[in-house]
Amino acid sequence: MPEIFTIELSDAEVKALHYVAIDADSWIQNAVHERCRMAIEELVADDIKSKLDAGLSISGTKDEMVLTSTLPSAQERHDAIMAQIANGPPGV
């Protein structure tokens, strides 16, 4: 289900963005869509590698592969790193 995100910029940020972009909304849309495209490519590559390593077949569209991915989110990875830091180095 599509989500809508809202961004709030200060007056200085708006002025700075207009310095580098003729159409701020188009620039923001393009930046987000491009980063999502890159993440999709990473997730698909990881999914393909995992399936090949496990001897499984590869099927589905890129979107289907991303939607069924079990790779941890950025928040989950962050939480795991913070837990490791809180627990200190191994053997201490």
Protein backbone atom coordinates (compact mmCIF):
# COMPACT_ATOMS: atom_id res chain seq x y z
CA MET A 1 0.00 0.00 0.00
CA PRO A 2 1.59 3.31 -1.04
CA GLU A 3 2.63 5.69 1.71
CA ILE A 4 2.78 9.46 1.63
CA PHE A 5 5.63 11.18 3.41
CA THR A 6 5.76 14.85 4.33
CA ILE A 7 8.98 16.79 4.67
CA GLU A 8 9.44 20.07 6.49
CA LEU A 9 12.32 22.35 5.50
CA SER A 10 13.50 25.54 7.14
CA ASP A 11 13.57 28.76 5.12
CA ALA A 12 17.33 28.38 4.74
CA GLU A 13 16.97 24.78 3.52
CA VAL A 14 14.33 25.83 0.98
CA LYS A 15 16.56 28.61 -0.32
CA ALA A 16 19.53 26.23 -0.50
CA LEU A 17 17.47 23.60 -2.33
CA HIS A 18 16.31 26.19 -4.86
CA TYR A 19 19.97 27.01 -5.44
CA VAL A 20 20.60 23.47 -6.72
CA ALA A 21 17.17 22.56 -8.13
CA ILE A 22 14.76 24.36 -10.43
CA ASP A 23 11.84 22.30 -9.12
CA ALA A 24 12.36 21.32 -5.48
CA ASP A 25 9.54 18.77 -5.42
CA SER A 26 10.83 17.00 -8.54
CA TRP A 27 14.34 16.95 -7.10
CA ILE A 28 13.13 15.45 -3.82
CA GLN A 29 10.94 12.89 -5.61
CA ASN A 30 13.84 11.88 -7.87
CA ALA A 31 16.29 11.57 -4.96
CA VAL A 32 13.96 9.31 -2.98
CA HIS A 33 12.95 7.16 -5.96
CA GLU A 34 16.60 6.73 -6.99
CA ARG A 35 17.61 5.64 -3.47
CA CYS A 36 14.72 3.19 -3.40
CA ARG A 37 15.79 1.82 -6.80
CA MET A 38 19.31 1.27 -5.46
CA ALA A 39 17.97 -0.50 -2.35
CA ILE A 40 15.75 -2.72 -4.53
CA GLU A 41 18.80 -3.73 -6.57
CA GLU A 42 20.71 -4.57 -3.36
CA LEU A 43 17.82 -6.61 -1.92
CA VAL A 44 17.28 -8.50 -5.18
CA ALA A 45 21.00 -9.29 -5.51
CA ASP A 46 21.10 -10.56 -1.90
CA ASP A 47 17.95 -12.63 -2.46
CA ILE A 48 19.33 -14.18 -5.64
CA LYS A 49 22.66 -15.01 -3.93
CA SER A 50 20.89 -16.54 -0.93
CA LYS A 51 18.66 -18.68 -3.14
CA LEU A 52 21.54 -19.82 -5.34
CA ASP A 53 23.64 -20.68 -2.26
CA ALA A 54 20.72 -22.73 -0.91
CA GLY A 55 20.11 -24.43 -4.26
CA LEU A 56 16.66 -22.86 -4.59
CA SER A 57 15.02 -21.61 -7.75
CA ILE A 58 14.69 -17.92 -8.45
CA SER A 59 11.30 -16.62 -9.42
CA GLY A 60 9.12 -13.54 -9.18
CA THR A 61 9.51 -9.92 -10.07
CA LYS A 62 11.91 -7.57 -8.30
CA ASP A 63 9.00 -6.09 -6.37
CA GLU A 64 7.88 -9.57 -5.27
CA MET A 65 11.41 -10.43 -4.18
CA VAL A 66 11.67 -7.24 -2.12
CA LEU A 67 8.25 -7.68 -0.54
CA THR A 68 9.07 -11.25 0.55
CA SER A 69 12.61 -10.44 1.68
CA THR A 70 13.49 -11.45 5.22
CA LEU A 71 16.59 -9.28 5.42
CA PRO A 72 16.64 -7.04 8.51
CA SER A 73 15.54 -3.42 8.16
CA ALA A 74 17.87 -0.50 8.89
CA GLN A 75 16.16 -0.15 12.29
CA GLU A 76 16.70 -3.84 13.09
CA ARG A 77 20.38 -3.61 12.07
CA HIS A 78 20.81 -0.44 14.15
CA ASP A 79 19.19 -2.07 17.19
CA ALA A 80 21.48 -5.12 16.89
CA ILE A 81 24.59 -2.92 16.70
CA MET A 82 23.46 -0.86 19.69
CA ALA A 83 22.82 -4.06 21.67
CA GLN A 84 26.35 -5.27 20.85
CA ILE A 85 27.79 -1.95 21.98
CA ALA A 86 25.77 -2.03 25.21
CA ASN A 87 26.95 -5.57 25.97
CA GLY A 88 30.59 -4.63 25.43
CA PRO A 89 33.27 -6.58 23.59
CA PRO A 90 33.03 -10.39 23.66
CA GLY A 91 34.79 -12.02 26.57
CA VAL A 92 34.77 -8.99 28.83
